[in-house]
Amino acid sequence: MKNLSFAMVKLSQFVVFVLFTFIVLVYFGTLILLPLDVVVLISKLLGGSLIGAIVALPVVAYLGKVVYTTPGLVALLVDTGLELVNTGKQKVAAFGTLAESVK
């Protein structure tokens, strides 16, 4: 019975690790891919041609500059992602201490 409890704690630890890893990858992936999506949307709005893409690039660059120059916004977005990482690390470590107590 002791081995079954230990195995269940380790399985739960693995599931929590995978879940937080997925969440962090989706968060930072969204931050990276969002400007590309805006370029595609503006390009499609302007007819979906090469001219639309050429016009969309400076528009998205300007929007990126506005986001970058907004005081504290970039730091807030990055800190939120790092808090997700730290929360996941703490939860996985908590499962590790629980596994040691069960063992």
PDB file of N, CA and C in Angstrom:
ATOM      1  N   MET A   1       0.821  -1.195   0.000  1.00  0.00           N
ATOM      2  CA  MET A   1       0.000   0.000   0.000  1.00  0.00           C
ATOM      3  C   MET A   1       0.866   1.261   0.000  1.00  0.00           C
ATOM      4  N   LYS A   2       2.009   1.161   0.679  1.00  0.00           N
ATOM      5  CA  LYS A   2       2.910   2.298   0.745  1.00  0.00           C
ATOM      6  C   LYS A   2       3.460   2.641  -0.640  1.00  0.00           C
ATOM      7  N   ASN A   3       3.797   1.610  -1.418  1.00  0.00           N
ATOM      8  CA  ASN A   3       4.322   1.831  -2.764  1.00  0.00           C
ATOM      9  C   ASN A   3       3.256   2.437  -3.681  1.00  0.00           C
ATOM     10  N   LEU A   4       2.012   2.030  -3.491  1.00  0.00           N
ATOM     11  CA  LEU A   4       0.929   2.588  -4.303  1.00  0.00           C
ATOM     12  C   LEU A   4       0.729   4.071  -3.992  1.00  0.00           C
ATOM     13  N   SER A   5       0.788   4.435  -2.735  1.00  0.00           N
ATOM     14  CA  SER A   5       0.660   5.850  -2.361  1.00  0.00           C
ATOM     15  C   SER A   5       1.816   6.662  -2.937  1.00  0.00           C
ATOM     16  N   PHE A   6       3.029   6.121  -2.846  1.00  0.00           N
ATOM     17  CA  PHE A   6       4.195   6.802  -3.396  1.00  0.00           C
ATOM     18  C   PHE A   6       4.054   6.983  -4.906  1.00  0.00           C
ATOM     19  N   ALA A   7       3.586   5.937  -5.589  1.00  0.00           N
ATOM     20  CA  ALA A   7       3.406   6.014  -7.041  1.00  0.00           C
ATOM     21  C   ALA A   7       2.340   7.044  -7.413  1.00  0.00           C
ATOM     22  N   MET A   8       1.284   7.126  -6.655  1.00  0.00           N
ATOM     23  CA  MET A   8       0.226   8.100  -6.939  1.00  0.00           C
ATOM     24  C   MET A   8       0.721   9.542  -6.731  1.00  0.00           C
ATOM     25  N   VAL A   9       1.538   9.744  -5.697  1.00  0.00           N
ATOM     26  CA  VAL A   9       2.089  11.078  -5.460  1.00  0.00           C
ATOM     27  C   VAL A   9       3.034  11.451  -6.594  1.00  0.00           C
ATOM     28  N   LYS A  10       3.869  10.518  -7.022  1.00  0.00           N
ATOM     29  CA  LYS A  10       4.800  10.799  -8.113  1.00  0.00           C
ATOM     30  C   LYS A  10       4.056  11.041  -9.427  1.00  0.00           C
ATOM     31  N   LEU A  11       2.989  10.282  -9.673  1.00  0.00           N
ATOM     32  CA  LEU A  11       2.183  10.493 -10.876  1.00  0.00           C
ATOM     33  C   LEU A  11       1.527  11.870 -10.841  1.00  0.00           C
ATOM     34  N   SER A  12       1.008  12.246  -9.691  1.00  0.00           N
ATOM     35  CA  SER A  12       0.405  13.577  -9.554  1.00  0.00           C
ATOM     36  C   SER A  12       1.444  14.671  -9.743  1.00  0.00           C
ATOM     37  N   GLN A  13       2.650  14.450  -9.231  1.00  0.00           N
ATOM     38  CA  GLN A  13       3.732  15.408  -9.408  1.00  0.00           C
ATOM     39  C   GLN A  13       4.064  15.572 -10.882  1.00  0.00           C
ATOM     40  N   PHE A  14       4.111  14.475 -11.613  1.00  0.00           N
ATOM     41  CA  PHE A  14       4.395  14.539 -13.042  1.00  0.00           C
ATOM     42  C   PHE A  14       3.290  15.274 -13.800  1.00  0.00           C
ATOM     43  N   VAL A  15       2.043  15.021 -13.450  1.00  0.00           N
ATOM     44  CA  VAL A  15       0.918  15.683 -14.112  1.00  0.00           C
ATOM     45  C   VAL A  15       0.957  17.190 -13.857  1.00  0.00           C
ATOM     46  N   VAL A  16       1.250  17.598 -12.635  1.00  0.00           N
ATOM     47  CA  VAL A  16       1.343  19.020 -12.314  1.00  0.00           C
ATOM     48  C   VAL A  16       2.508  19.652 -13.064  1.00  0.00           C
ATOM     49  N   PHE A  17       3.639  18.951 -13.149  1.00  0.00           N
ATOM     50  CA  PHE A  17       4.787  19.453 -13.899  1.00  0.00           C
ATOM     51  C   PHE A  17       4.444  19.662 -15.367  1.00  0.00           C
ATOM     52  N   VAL A  18       3.800  18.682 -15.977  1.00  0.00           N
ATOM     53  CA  VAL A  18       3.425  18.792 -17.390  1.00  0.00           C
ATOM     54  C   VAL A  18       2.414  19.918 -17.591  1.00  0.00           C
ATOM     55  N   LEU A  19       1.470  20.048 -16.686  1.00  0.00           N
ATOM     56  CA  LEU A  19       0.453  21.090 -16.791  1.00  0.00           C
ATOM     57  C   LEU A  19       1.083  22.484 -16.731  1.00  0.00           C
ATOM     58  N   PHE A  20       1.940  22.724 -15.748  1.00  0.00           N
ATOM     59  CA  PHE A  20       2.569  24.040 -15.641  1.00  0.00           C
ATOM     60  C   PHE A  20       3.527  24.299 -16.803  1.00  0.00           C
ATOM     61  N   THR A  21       4.217  23.270 -17.276  1.00  0.00           N
ATOM     62  CA  THR A  21       5.088  23.450 -18.440  1.00  0.00           C
ATOM     63  C   THR A  21       4.266  23.868 -19.660  1.00  0.00           C
ATOM     64  N   PHE A  22       3.139  23.230 -19.866  1.00  0.00           N
ATOM     65  CA  PHE A  22       2.264  23.578 -20.981  1.00  0.00           C
ATOM     66  C   PHE A  22       1.748  25.003 -20.854  1.00  0.00           C
ATOM     67  N   ILE A  23       1.330  25.382 -19.651  1.00  0.00           N
ATOM     68  CA  ILE A  23       0.792  26.724 -19.441  1.00  0.00           C
ATOM     69  C   ILE A  23       1.850  27.792 -19.721  1.00  0.00           C
ATOM     70  N   VAL A  24       3.073  27.574 -19.258  1.00  0.00           N
ATOM     71  CA  VAL A  24       4.142  28.553 -19.473  1.00  0.00           C
ATOM     72  C   VAL A  24       4.496  28.637 -20.952  1.00  0.00           C
ATOM     73  N   LEU A  25       4.565  27.496 -21.633  1.00  0.00           N
ATOM     74  CA  LEU A  25       4.865  27.519 -23.067  1.00  0.00           C
ATOM     75  C   LEU A  25       3.777  28.229 -23.857  1.00  0.00           C
ATOM     76  N   VAL A  26       2.535  28.022 -23.505  1.00  0.00           N
ATOM     77  CA  VAL A  26       1.433  28.714 -24.186  1.00  0.00           C
ATOM     78  C   VAL A  26       1.490  30.211 -23.910  1.00  0.00           C
ATOM     79  N   TYR A  27       1.792  30.600 -22.685  1.00  0.00           N
ATOM     80  CA  TYR A  27       1.843  32.024 -22.332  1.00  0.00           C
ATOM     81  C   TYR A  27       2.921  32.745 -23.128  1.00  0.00           C
ATOM     82  N   PHE A  28       4.155  32.235 -23.076  1.00  0.00           N
ATOM     83  CA  PHE A  28       5.239  32.912 -23.784  1.00  0.00           C
ATOM     84  C   PHE A  28       5.104  32.759 -25.295  1.00  0.00           C
ATOM     85  N   GLY A  29       4.553  31.647 -25.760  1.00  0.00           N
ATOM     86  CA  GLY A  29       4.296  31.492 -27.190  1.00  0.00           C
ATOM     87  C   GLY A  29       3.289  32.491 -27.702  1.00  0.00           C
ATOM     88  N   THR A  30       2.286  32.762 -26.893  1.00  0.00           N
ATOM     89  CA  THR A  30       1.294  33.769 -27.268  1.00  0.00           C
ATOM     90  C   THR A  30       1.925  35.149 -27.354  1.00  0.00           C
ATOM     91  N   LEU A  31       2.794  35.467 -26.413  1.00  0.00           N
ATOM     92  CA  LEU A  31       3.460  36.769 -26.458  1.00  0.00           C
ATOM     93  C   LEU A  31       4.318  36.918 -27.709  1.00  0.00           C
ATOM     94  N   ILE A  32       4.907  35.827 -28.154  1.00  0.00           N
ATOM     95  CA  ILE A  32       5.775  35.884 -29.331  1.00  0.00           C
ATOM     96  C   ILE A  32       4.962  35.888 -30.623  1.00  0.00           C
ATOM     97  N   LEU A  33       3.910  35.085 -30.689  1.00  0.00           N
ATOM     98  CA  LEU A  33       3.160  34.934 -31.937  1.00  0.00           C
ATOM     99  C   LEU A  33       2.058  35.965 -32.144  1.00  0.00           C
ATOM    100  N   LEU A  34       1.705  36.711 -31.128  1.00  0.00           N
ATOM    101  CA  LEU A  34       0.632  37.699 -31.268  1.00  0.00           C
ATOM    102  C   LEU A  34       0.929  38.765 -32.324  1.00  0.00           C
ATOM    103  N   PRO A  35       2.134  39.338 -32.385  1.00  0.00           N
ATOM    104  CA  PRO A  35       2.397  40.321 -33.453  1.00  0.00           C
ATOM    105  C   PRO A  35       2.306  39.713 -34.856  1.00  0.00           C
ATOM    106  N   LEU A  36       2.745  38.469 -35.006  1.00  0.00           N
ATOM    107  CA  LEU A  36       2.635  37.809 -36.310  1.00  0.00           C
ATOM    108  C   LEU A  36       1.173  37.635 -36.708  1.00  0.00           C
ATOM    109  N   ASP A  37       0.337  37.307 -35.753  1.00  0.00           N
ATOM    110  CA  ASP A  37      -1.086  37.166 -36.040  1.00  0.00           C
ATOM    111  C   ASP A  37      -1.701  38.501 -36.446  1.00  0.00           C
ATOM    112  N   VAL A  38      -1.291  39.578 -35.806  1.00  0.00           N
ATOM    113  CA  VAL A  38      -1.814  40.900 -36.161  1.00  0.00           C
ATOM    114  C   VAL A  38      -1.385  41.273 -37.578  1.00  0.00           C
ATOM    115  N   VAL A  39      -0.148  40.927 -37.959  1.00  0.00           N
ATOM    116  CA  VAL A  39       0.308  41.185 -39.335  1.00  0.00           C
ATOM    117  C   VAL A  39      -0.578  40.440 -40.325  1.00  0.00           C
ATOM    118  N   VAL A  40      -0.864  39.177 -40.049  1.00  0.00           N
ATOM    119  CA  VAL A  40      -1.700  38.381 -40.954  1.00  0.00           C
ATOM    120  C   VAL A  40      -3.112  38.956 -41.033  1.00  0.00           C
ATOM    121  N   LEU A  41      -3.680  39.340 -39.901  1.00  0.00           N
ATOM    122  CA  LEU A  41      -5.036  39.888 -39.901  1.00  0.00           C
ATOM    123  C   LEU A  41      -5.121  41.208 -40.663  1.00  0.00           C
ATOM    124  N   ILE A  42      -4.150  42.093 -40.449  1.00  0.00           N
ATOM    125  CA  ILE A  42      -4.159  43.365 -41.171  1.00  0.00           C
ATOM    126  C   ILE A  42      -3.925  43.131 -42.660  1.00  0.00           C
ATOM    127  N   SER A  43      -3.051  42.194 -42.999  1.00  0.00           N
ATOM    128  CA  SER A  43      -2.789  41.876 -44.395  1.00  0.00           C
ATOM    129  C   SER A  43      -4.051  41.348 -45.080  1.00  0.00           C
ATOM    130  N   LYS A  44      -4.788  40.478 -44.390  1.00  0.00           N
ATOM    131  CA  LYS A  44      -6.044  39.968 -44.958  1.00  0.00           C
ATOM    132  C   LYS A  44      -7.085  41.075 -45.072  1.00  0.00           C
ATOM    133  N   LEU A  45      -7.087  41.990 -44.119  1.00  0.00           N
ATOM    134  CA  LEU A  45      -8.019  43.113 -44.158  1.00  0.00           C
ATOM    135  C   LEU A  45      -7.750  44.004 -45.360  1.00  0.00           C
ATOM    136  N   LEU A  46      -6.480  44.128 -45.735  1.00  0.00           N
ATOM    137  CA  LEU A  46      -6.102  44.970 -46.865  1.00  0.00           C
ATOM    138  C   LEU A  46      -6.043  44.203 -48.179  1.00  0.00           C
ATOM    139  N   GLY A  47      -6.673  43.076 -48.249  1.00  0.00           N
ATOM    140  CA  GLY A  47      -6.778  42.348 -49.507  1.00  0.00           C
ATOM    141  C   GLY A  47      -5.947  41.082 -49.592  1.00  0.00           C
ATOM    142  N   GLY A  48      -5.112  40.809 -48.619  1.00  0.00           N
ATOM    143  CA  GLY A  48      -4.339  39.575 -48.610  1.00  0.00           C
ATOM    144  C   GLY A  48      -3.205  39.528 -49.611  1.00  0.00           C
ATOM    145  N   SER A  49      -2.790  40.661 -50.119  1.00  0.00           N
ATOM    146  CA  SER A  49      -1.725  40.674 -51.114  1.00  0.00           C
ATOM    147  C   SER A  49      -0.393  41.046 -50.462  1.00  0.00           C
ATOM    148  N   LEU A  50       0.633  41.093 -51.274  1.00  0.00           N
ATOM    149  CA  LEU A  50       1.954  41.488 -50.793  1.00  0.00           C
ATOM    150  C   LEU A  50       1.943  42.941 -50.329  1.00  0.00           C
ATOM    151  N   ILE A  51       1.181  43.764 -51.016  1.00  0.00           N
ATOM    152  CA  ILE A  51       1.073  45.176 -50.623  1.00  0.00           C
ATOM    153  C   ILE A  51       0.464  45.276 -49.227  1.00  0.00           C
ATOM    154  N   GLY A  52      -0.540  44.466 -48.953  1.00  0.00           N
ATOM    155  CA  GLY A  52      -1.159  44.462 -47.621  1.00  0.00           C
ATOM    156  C   GLY A  52      -0.172  44.057 -46.546  1.00  0.00           C
ATOM    157  N   ALA A  53       0.683  43.079 -46.840  1.00  0.00           N
ATOM    158  CA  ALA A  53       1.691  42.654 -45.868  1.00  0.00           C
ATOM    159  C   ALA A  53       2.747  43.733 -45.664  1.00  0.00           C
ATOM    160  N   ILE A  54       3.106  44.418 -46.741  1.00  0.00           N
ATOM    161  CA  ILE A  54       4.104  45.488 -46.631  1.00  0.00           C
ATOM    162  C   ILE A  54       3.551  46.650 -45.809  1.00  0.00           C
ATOM    163  N   VAL A  55       2.267  46.926 -45.935  1.00  0.00           N
ATOM    164  CA  VAL A  55       1.651  47.989 -45.144  1.00  0.00           C
ATOM    165  C   VAL A  55       1.467  47.535 -43.688  1.00  0.00           C
ATOM    166  N   ALA A  56       1.179  46.263 -43.493  1.00  0.00           N
ATOM    167  CA  ALA A  56       0.897  45.758 -42.144  1.00  0.00           C
ATOM    168  C   ALA A  56       2.143  45.743 -41.264  1.00  0.00           C
ATOM    169  N   LEU A  57       3.306  45.515 -41.822  1.00  0.00           N
ATOM    170  CA  LEU A  57       4.525  45.436 -41.018  1.00  0.00           C
ATOM    171  C   LEU A  57       4.825  46.727 -40.251  1.00  0.00           C
ATOM    172  N   PRO A  58       4.793  47.895 -40.909  1.00  0.00           N
ATOM    173  CA  PRO A  58       5.038  49.116 -40.119  1.00  0.00           C
ATOM    174  C   PRO A  58       3.949  49.407 -39.086  1.00  0.00           C
ATOM    175  N   VAL A  59       2.717  49.035 -39.407  1.00  0.00           N
ATOM    176  CA  VAL A  59       1.629  49.242 -38.449  1.00  0.00           C
ATOM    177  C   VAL A  59       1.883  48.423 -37.184  1.00  0.00           C
ATOM    178  N   VAL A  60       2.260  47.161 -37.359  1.00  0.00           N
ATOM    179  CA  VAL A  60       2.532  46.300 -36.204  1.00  0.00           C
ATOM    180  C   VAL A  60       3.804  46.749 -35.490  1.00  0.00           C
ATOM    181  N   ALA A  61       4.787  47.228 -36.228  1.00  0.00           N
ATOM    182  CA  ALA A  61       6.004  47.747 -35.596  1.00  0.00           C
ATOM    183  C   ALA A  61       5.669  48.955 -34.725  1.00  0.00           C
ATOM    184  N   TYR A  62       4.788  49.824 -35.212  1.00  0.00           N
ATOM    185  CA  TYR A  62       4.379  50.976 -34.410  1.00  0.00           C
ATOM    186  C   TYR A  62       3.616  50.530 -33.156  1.00  0.00           C
ATOM    187  N   LEU A  63       2.718  49.549 -33.311  1.00  0.00           N
ATOM    188  CA  LEU A  63       1.992  49.041 -32.142  1.00  0.00           C
ATOM    189  C   LEU A  63       2.948  48.408 -31.135  1.00  0.00           C
ATOM    190  N   GLY A  64       3.964  47.708 -31.634  1.00  0.00           N
ATOM    191  CA  GLY A  64       4.978  47.140 -30.745  1.00  0.00           C
ATOM    192  C   GLY A  64       5.757  48.211 -30.012  1.00  0.00           C
ATOM    193  N   LYS A  65       6.039  49.320 -30.721  1.00  0.00           N
ATOM    194  CA  LYS A  65       6.739  50.436 -30.080  1.00  0.00           C
ATOM    195  C   LYS A  65       5.878  51.056 -28.994  1.00  0.00           C
ATOM    196  N   VAL A  66       4.587  51.174 -29.248  1.00  0.00           N
ATOM    197  CA  VAL A  66       3.674  51.731 -28.243  1.00  0.00           C
ATOM    198  C   VAL A  66       3.648  50.834 -27.006  1.00  0.00           C
ATOM    199  N   VAL A  67       3.589  49.526 -27.219  1.00  0.00           N
ATOM    200  CA  VAL A  67       3.591  48.592 -26.090  1.00  0.00           C
ATOM    201  C   VAL A  67       4.908  48.684 -25.342  1.00  0.00           C
ATOM    202  N   TYR A  68       6.024  48.752 -26.081  1.00  0.00           N
ATOM    203  CA  TYR A  68       7.342  48.789 -25.454  1.00  0.00           C
ATOM    204  C   TYR A  68       7.573  50.075 -24.663  1.00  0.00           C
ATOM    205  N   THR A  69       7.035  51.191 -25.162  1.00  0.00           N
ATOM    206  CA  THR A  69       7.248  52.466 -24.469  1.00  0.00           C
ATOM    207  C   THR A  69       6.244  52.724 -23.354  1.00  0.00           C
ATOM    208  N   THR A  70       5.221  51.893 -23.247  1.00  0.00           N
ATOM    209  CA  THR A  70       4.284  52.036 -22.136  1.00  0.00           C
ATOM    210  C   THR A  70       5.011  51.639 -20.848  1.00  0.00           C
ATOM    211  N   PRO A  71       5.062  52.532 -19.883  1.00  0.00           N
ATOM    212  CA  PRO A  71       5.860  52.259 -18.682  1.00  0.00           C
ATOM    213  C   PRO A  71       5.367  51.031 -17.913  1.00  0.00           C
ATOM    214  N   GLY A  72       6.253  50.065 -17.759  1.00  0.00           N
ATOM    215  CA  GLY A  72       5.973  48.901 -16.933  1.00  0.00           C
ATOM    216  C   GLY A  72       5.194  47.783 -17.583  1.00  0.00           C
ATOM    217  N   LEU A  73       4.712  47.963 -18.803  1.00  0.00           N
ATOM    218  CA  LEU A  73       3.869  46.929 -19.413  1.00  0.00           C
ATOM    219  C   LEU A  73       4.665  45.683 -19.771  1.00  0.00           C
ATOM    220  N   VAL A  74       5.807  45.847 -20.402  1.00  0.00           N
ATOM    221  CA  VAL A  74       6.619  44.692 -20.787  1.00  0.00           C
ATOM    222  C   VAL A  74       7.115  43.963 -19.544  1.00  0.00           C
ATOM    223  N   ALA A  75       7.551  44.712 -18.552  1.00  0.00           N
ATOM    224  CA  ALA A  75       8.014  44.095 -17.302  1.00  0.00           C
ATOM    225  C   ALA A  75       6.884  43.336 -16.615  1.00  0.00           C
ATOM    226  N   LEU A  76       5.680  43.880 -16.669  1.00  0.00           N
ATOM    227  CA  LEU A  76       4.536  43.208 -16.066  1.00  0.00           C
ATOM    228  C   LEU A  76       4.230  41.900 -16.781  1.00  0.00           C
ATOM    229  N   LEU A  77       4.271  41.917 -18.111  1.00  0.00           N
ATOM    230  CA  LEU A  77       3.996  40.700 -18.869  1.00  0.00           C
ATOM    231  C   LEU A  77       5.044  39.623 -18.598  1.00  0.00           C
ATOM    232  N   VAL A  78       6.308  40.003 -18.567  1.00  0.00           N
ATOM    233  CA  VAL A  78       7.373  39.032 -18.309  1.00  0.00           C
ATOM    234  C   VAL A  78       7.312  38.539 -16.866  1.00  0.00           C
ATOM    235  N   ASP A  79       7.054  39.438 -15.923  1.00  0.00           N
ATOM    236  CA  ASP A  79       6.958  39.032 -14.514  1.00  0.00           C
ATOM    237  C   ASP A  79       5.797  38.070 -14.282  1.00  0.00           C
ATOM    238  N   THR A  80       4.703  38.266 -14.999  1.00  0.00           N
ATOM    239  CA  THR A  80       3.578  37.342 -14.877  1.00  0.00           C
ATOM    240  C   THR A  80       3.981  35.942 -15.325  1.00  0.00           C
ATOM    241  N   GLY A  81       4.708  35.847 -16.423  1.00  0.00           N
ATOM    242  CA  GLY A  81       5.184  34.547 -16.883  1.00  0.00           C
ATOM    243  C   GLY A  81       6.166  33.919 -15.914  1.00  0.00           C
ATOM    244  N   LEU A  82       7.050  34.736 -15.342  1.00  0.00           N
ATOM    245  CA  LEU A  82       8.008  34.207 -14.376  1.00  0.00           C
ATOM    246  C   LEU A  82       7.326  33.760 -13.088  1.00  0.00           C
ATOM    247  N   GLU A  83       6.249  34.437 -12.707  1.00  0.00           N
ATOM    248  CA  GLU A  83       5.477  33.993 -11.549  1.00  0.00           C
ATOM    249  C   GLU A  83       4.817  32.646 -11.819  1.00  0.00           C
ATOM    250  N   LEU A  84       4.373  32.422 -13.051  1.00  0.00           N
ATOM    251  CA  LEU A  84       3.846  31.107 -13.413  1.00  0.00           C
ATOM    252  C   LEU A  84       4.919  30.032 -13.259  1.00  0.00           C
ATOM    253  N   VAL A  85       6.122  30.351 -13.705  1.00  0.00           N
ATOM    254  CA  VAL A  85       7.229  29.394 -13.597  1.00  0.00           C
ATOM    255  C   VAL A  85       7.526  29.097 -12.126  1.00  0.00           C
ATOM    256  N   ASN A  86       7.615  30.137 -11.306  1.00  0.00           N
ATOM    257  CA  ASN A  86       7.922  29.942  -9.892  1.00  0.00           C
ATOM    258  C   ASN A  86       6.817  29.196  -9.155  1.00  0.00           C
ATOM    259  N   THR A  87       5.565  29.482  -9.492  1.00  0.00           N
ATOM    260  CA  THR A  87       4.451  28.766  -8.874  1.00  0.00           C
ATOM    261  C   THR A  87       4.501  27.287  -9.226  1.00  0.00           C
ATOM    262  N   GLY A  88       4.766  26.979 -10.482  1.00  0.00           N
ATOM    263  CA  GLY A  88       4.883  25.582 -10.889  1.00  0.00           C
ATOM    264  C   GLY A  88       6.026  24.883 -10.192  1.00  0.00           C
ATOM    265  N   LYS A  89       7.151  25.566 -10.058  1.00  0.00           N
ATOM    266  CA  LYS A  89       8.310  24.980  -9.374  1.00  0.00           C
ATOM    267  C   LYS A  89       7.990  24.692  -7.911  1.00  0.00           C
ATOM    268  N   GLN A  90       7.290  25.609  -7.251  1.00  0.00           N
ATOM    269  CA  GLN A  90       6.926  25.402  -5.849  1.00  0.00           C
ATOM    270  C   GLN A  90       5.962  24.236  -5.679  1.00  0.00           C
ATOM    271  N   LYS A  91       4.999  24.130  -6.585  1.00  0.00           N
ATOM    272  CA  LYS A  91       4.025  23.044  -6.475  1.00  0.00           C
ATOM    273  C   LYS A  91       4.671  21.685  -6.723  1.00  0.00           C
ATOM    274  N   VAL A  92       5.583  21.612  -7.686  1.00  0.00           N
ATOM    275  CA  VAL A  92       6.277  20.347  -7.954  1.00  0.00           C
ATOM    276  C   VAL A  92       7.156  19.991  -6.762  1.00  0.00           C
ATOM    277  N   ALA A  93       7.809  20.979  -6.155  1.00  0.00           N
ATOM    278  CA  ALA A  93       8.632  20.723  -4.971  1.00  0.00           C
ATOM    279  C   ALA A  93       7.776  20.263  -3.793  1.00  0.00           C
ATOM    280  N   ALA A  94       6.572  20.804  -3.677  1.00  0.00           N
ATOM    281  CA  ALA A  94       5.673  20.379  -2.600  1.00  0.00           C
ATOM    282  C   ALA A  94       5.298  18.909  -2.761  1.00  0.00           C
ATOM    283  N   PHE A  95       5.085  18.470  -3.992  1.00  0.00           N
ATOM    284  CA  PHE A  95       4.815  17.058  -4.230  1.00  0.00           C
ATOM    285  C   PHE A  95       6.039  16.204  -3.885  1.00  0.00           C
ATOM    286  N   GLY A  96       7.240  16.745  -4.100  1.00  0.00           N
ATOM    287  CA  GLY A  96       8.465  16.018  -3.758  1.00  0.00           C
ATOM    288  C   GLY A  96       8.583  15.790  -2.265  1.00  0.00           C
ATOM    289  N   THR A  97       8.270  16.819  -1.470  1.00  0.00           N
ATOM    290  CA  THR A  97       8.323  16.635  -0.020  1.00  0.00           C
ATOM    291  C   THR A  97       7.220  15.684   0.465  1.00  0.00           C
ATOM    292  N   LEU A  98       6.080  15.729  -0.187  1.00  0.00           N
ATOM    293  CA  LEU A  98       5.005  14.798   0.156  1.00  0.00           C
ATOM    294  C   LEU A  98       5.411  13.366  -0.170  1.00  0.00           C
ATOM    295  N   ALA A  99       6.091  13.182  -1.305  1.00  0.00           N
ATOM    296  CA  ALA A  99       6.556  11.842  -1.673  1.00  0.00           C
ATOM    297  C   ALA A  99       7.582  11.321  -0.684  1.00  0.00           C
ATOM    298  N   GLU A 100       8.447  12.198  -0.185  1.00  0.00           N
ATOM    299  CA  GLU A 100       9.437  11.768   0.802  1.00  0.00           C
ATOM    300  C   GLU A 100       8.774  11.355   2.116  1.00  0.00           C
ATOM    301  N   SER A 101       7.703  12.057   2.488  1.00  0.00           N
ATOM    302  CA  SER A 101       7.005  11.688   3.728  1.00  0.00           C
ATOM    303  C   SER A 101       6.226  10.376   3.583  1.00  0.00           C
ATOM    304  N   VAL A 102       5.769  10.089   2.375  1.00  0.00           N
ATOM    305  CA  VAL A 102       5.027   8.836   2.133  1.00  0.00           C
ATOM    306  C   VAL A 102       5.987   7.659   2.058  1.00  0.00           C
ATOM    307  N   LYS A 103       7.171   7.910   1.523  1.00  0.00           N
ATOM    308  CA  LYS A 103       8.158   6.834   1.338  1.00  0.00           C
ATOM    309  C   LYS A 103       8.655   6.345   2.629  1.00  0.00           C
TER     310      LYS A 103
END
